[in-house]
Amino acid sequence: MTFTKGPRGPLTREHRSAISAALRGRPRKDVKARFLSWVEGRANGCWAWVGKRNDLGYGLMSFRTEGRHKTKRAHRVAFELFKGPIPRGLVVDHLCRHPWCVNPNHLEAVTTAENLLRTMASRAGLMSFIPAAPTTLFMEG
């Protein structure tokens, strides 16, 4: 929050410092509650991220840590909130193939190579997602 003008004119550096100090002391909203406030359920079982998205359709969530802003992809935040840390060297794959989905049951940590193979197979129509069994994939044909 930035204040440039008060009711009686421009704010001085001292006023801005006092306002910042007062705001620092207020309780922050729980990360999980903040996350869920940007989620909307869909009939197909996906949790649609209704906040900011990047050009590829992935949801983005911003944080302020150690006085700096940091933005993470929302599906990675979902994985960490509901399943734990993402193992080193793995990426988070959307089993439902929707980049805006943040349902932790639709997310799986896999290698980059596995993620690429699944993406290519789904685009070729060789692989589908079964919502009833979120970790089960089958090959058609």
Protein backbone atom coordinates (compact mmCIF):
# COMPACT_ATOMS: atom_id res chain seq x y z
CA MET A 1 0.00 0.00 0.00
CA THR A 2 1.49 3.33 -0.99
CA PHE A 3 0.36 6.66 0.33
CA THR A 4 1.49 9.79 -1.45
CA LYS A 5 -0.96 12.33 -0.13
CA GLY A 6 -2.68 12.75 3.19
CA PRO A 7 -5.80 14.78 4.01
CA ARG A 8 -3.61 17.87 4.57
CA GLY A 9 -1.16 17.53 1.68
CA PRO A 10 1.83 15.36 0.75
CA LEU A 11 3.06 12.83 3.29
CA THR A 12 6.51 13.28 4.71
CA ARG A 13 9.04 10.48 5.01
CA GLU A 14 8.25 10.31 8.75
CA HIS A 15 4.53 9.86 8.06
CA ARG A 16 5.20 7.08 5.54
CA SER A 17 7.53 5.34 8.02
CA ALA A 18 4.89 5.55 10.76
CA ILE A 19 2.20 4.11 8.46
CA SER A 20 4.50 1.28 7.34
CA ALA A 21 5.35 0.44 10.94
CA ALA A 22 1.65 0.33 11.88
CA LEU A 23 0.81 -1.94 8.93
CA ARG A 24 3.72 -4.29 9.70
CA GLY A 25 2.18 -5.16 13.04
CA ARG A 26 -1.21 -6.24 11.72
CA PRO A 27 -1.90 -9.97 11.35
CA ARG A 28 -1.42 -11.44 7.89
CA LYS A 29 -4.02 -13.66 6.30
CA ASP A 30 -3.11 -17.36 6.44
CA VAL A 31 -1.47 -18.48 3.16
CA LYS A 32 -3.88 -21.40 2.72
CA ALA A 33 -6.90 -19.10 3.29
CA ARG A 34 -5.48 -16.57 0.80
CA PHE A 35 -4.86 -19.36 -1.70
CA LEU A 36 -8.37 -20.80 -1.38
CA SER A 37 -9.94 -17.35 -1.81
CA TRP A 38 -8.66 -17.42 -5.42
CA VAL A 39 -10.04 -20.90 -6.23
CA GLU A 40 -13.34 -21.79 -7.89
CA GLY A 41 -14.58 -25.39 -8.17
CA ARG A 42 -15.58 -26.81 -11.56
CA ALA A 43 -17.91 -29.68 -12.45
CA ASN A 44 -15.01 -31.72 -13.87
CA GLY A 45 -13.28 -31.69 -10.47
CA CYS A 46 -10.72 -29.05 -11.40
CA TRP A 47 -10.09 -26.12 -9.08
CA ALA A 48 -9.87 -23.11 -11.39
CA TRP A 49 -7.43 -20.38 -10.39
CA VAL A 50 -9.41 -17.15 -10.78
CA GLY A 51 -6.53 -14.84 -9.86
CA LYS A 52 -3.79 -13.57 -12.14
CA ARG A 53 -2.52 -15.91 -14.87
CA ASN A 54 0.51 -15.80 -17.13
CA ASP A 55 0.43 -16.01 -20.93
CA LEU A 56 0.43 -19.84 -20.82
CA GLY A 57 -2.61 -19.95 -18.51
CA TYR A 58 -0.77 -20.88 -15.30
CA GLY A 59 -2.07 -19.17 -12.15
CA LEU A 60 0.26 -16.81 -10.32
CA MET A 61 0.31 -16.05 -6.59
CA SER A 62 2.38 -13.26 -5.05
CA PHE A 63 3.99 -13.27 -1.62
CA ARG A 64 5.94 -10.77 0.41
CA THR A 65 8.85 -12.42 2.18
CA GLU A 66 11.74 -10.67 3.86
CA GLY A 67 10.52 -7.34 2.51
CA ARG A 68 10.55 -8.52 -1.12
CA HIS A 69 7.78 -9.57 -3.50
CA LYS A 70 7.95 -13.09 -4.87
CA THR A 71 5.57 -14.66 -7.41
CA LYS A 72 5.09 -18.42 -7.69
CA ARG A 73 2.94 -20.50 -9.99
CA ALA A 74 -0.31 -21.31 -8.19
CA HIS A 75 -0.21 -25.05 -8.94
CA ARG A 76 3.21 -25.29 -7.25
CA VAL A 77 1.80 -23.44 -4.22
CA ALA A 78 -1.14 -25.88 -4.16
CA PHE A 79 1.19 -28.88 -4.24
CA GLU A 80 3.31 -27.50 -1.39
CA LEU A 81 0.28 -26.51 0.74
CA PHE A 82 -1.57 -29.82 0.42
CA LYS A 83 1.09 -32.44 -0.38
CA GLY A 84 4.36 -31.05 0.97
CA PRO A 85 7.60 -29.89 -0.61
CA ILE A 86 8.26 -30.56 -4.29
CA PRO A 87 11.11 -33.08 -4.44
CA ARG A 88 14.36 -31.69 -5.84
CA GLY A 89 14.71 -32.26 -9.58
CA LEU A 90 10.97 -32.80 -10.16
CA VAL A 91 8.28 -30.60 -11.70
CA VAL A 92 4.55 -30.51 -10.94
CA ASP A 93 2.45 -32.11 -13.70
CA HIS A 94 -1.27 -31.43 -14.22
CA LEU A 95 -2.89 -34.84 -14.67
CA CYS A 96 -6.01 -33.10 -16.00
CA ARG A 97 -3.86 -31.20 -18.57
CA HIS A 98 -5.36 -27.79 -17.53
CA PRO A 99 -2.62 -25.29 -16.57
CA TRP A 100 -5.09 -23.18 -14.54
CA CYS A 101 -6.13 -26.14 -12.34
CA VAL A 102 -4.82 -26.09 -8.76
CA ASN A 103 -6.63 -29.17 -7.37
CA PRO A 104 -3.91 -31.05 -5.47
CA ASN A 105 -5.51 -34.36 -6.52
CA HIS A 106 -4.83 -33.40 -10.14
CA LEU A 107 -1.14 -32.64 -9.49
CA GLU A 108 1.81 -35.02 -9.41
CA ALA A 109 5.56 -34.47 -9.02
CA VAL A 110 7.35 -36.05 -11.99
CA THR A 111 10.57 -35.62 -13.94
CA THR A 112 10.70 -33.06 -16.73
CA ALA A 113 11.02 -35.91 -19.25
CA GLU A 114 7.88 -37.65 -17.91
CA ASN A 115 5.97 -34.38 -17.98
CA LEU A 116 6.99 -33.80 -21.59
CA LEU A 117 6.01 -37.36 -22.62
CA ARG A 118 2.59 -36.97 -20.98
CA THR A 119 2.03 -33.61 -22.65
CA MET A 120 2.93 -34.98 -26.08
CA ALA A 121 0.76 -38.08 -25.56
CA SER A 122 -2.25 -36.04 -24.48
CA ARG A 123 -1.90 -33.68 -27.45
CA ALA A 124 -1.76 -36.68 -29.78
CA GLY A 125 -4.93 -38.06 -28.15
CA LEU A 126 -3.13 -41.13 -26.76
CA MET A 127 -3.60 -40.42 -23.06
CA SER A 128 -6.57 -39.30 -20.99
CA PHE A 129 -7.14 -38.37 -17.38
CA ILE A 130 -9.58 -40.36 -15.26
CA PRO A 131 -11.00 -37.97 -12.61
CA ALA A 132 -12.27 -40.84 -10.41
CA ALA A 133 -8.70 -42.09 -9.93
CA PRO A 134 -6.49 -38.98 -10.09
CA THR A 135 -3.18 -40.81 -10.37
CA THR A 136 -4.36 -43.30 -13.00
CA LEU A 137 -3.65 -42.63 -16.65
CA PHE A 138 -4.52 -44.96 -19.49
CA MET A 139 -3.41 -45.32 -23.06
CA GLU A 140 -6.10 -45.44 -25.73
CA GLY A 141 -5.78 -47.62 -28.77
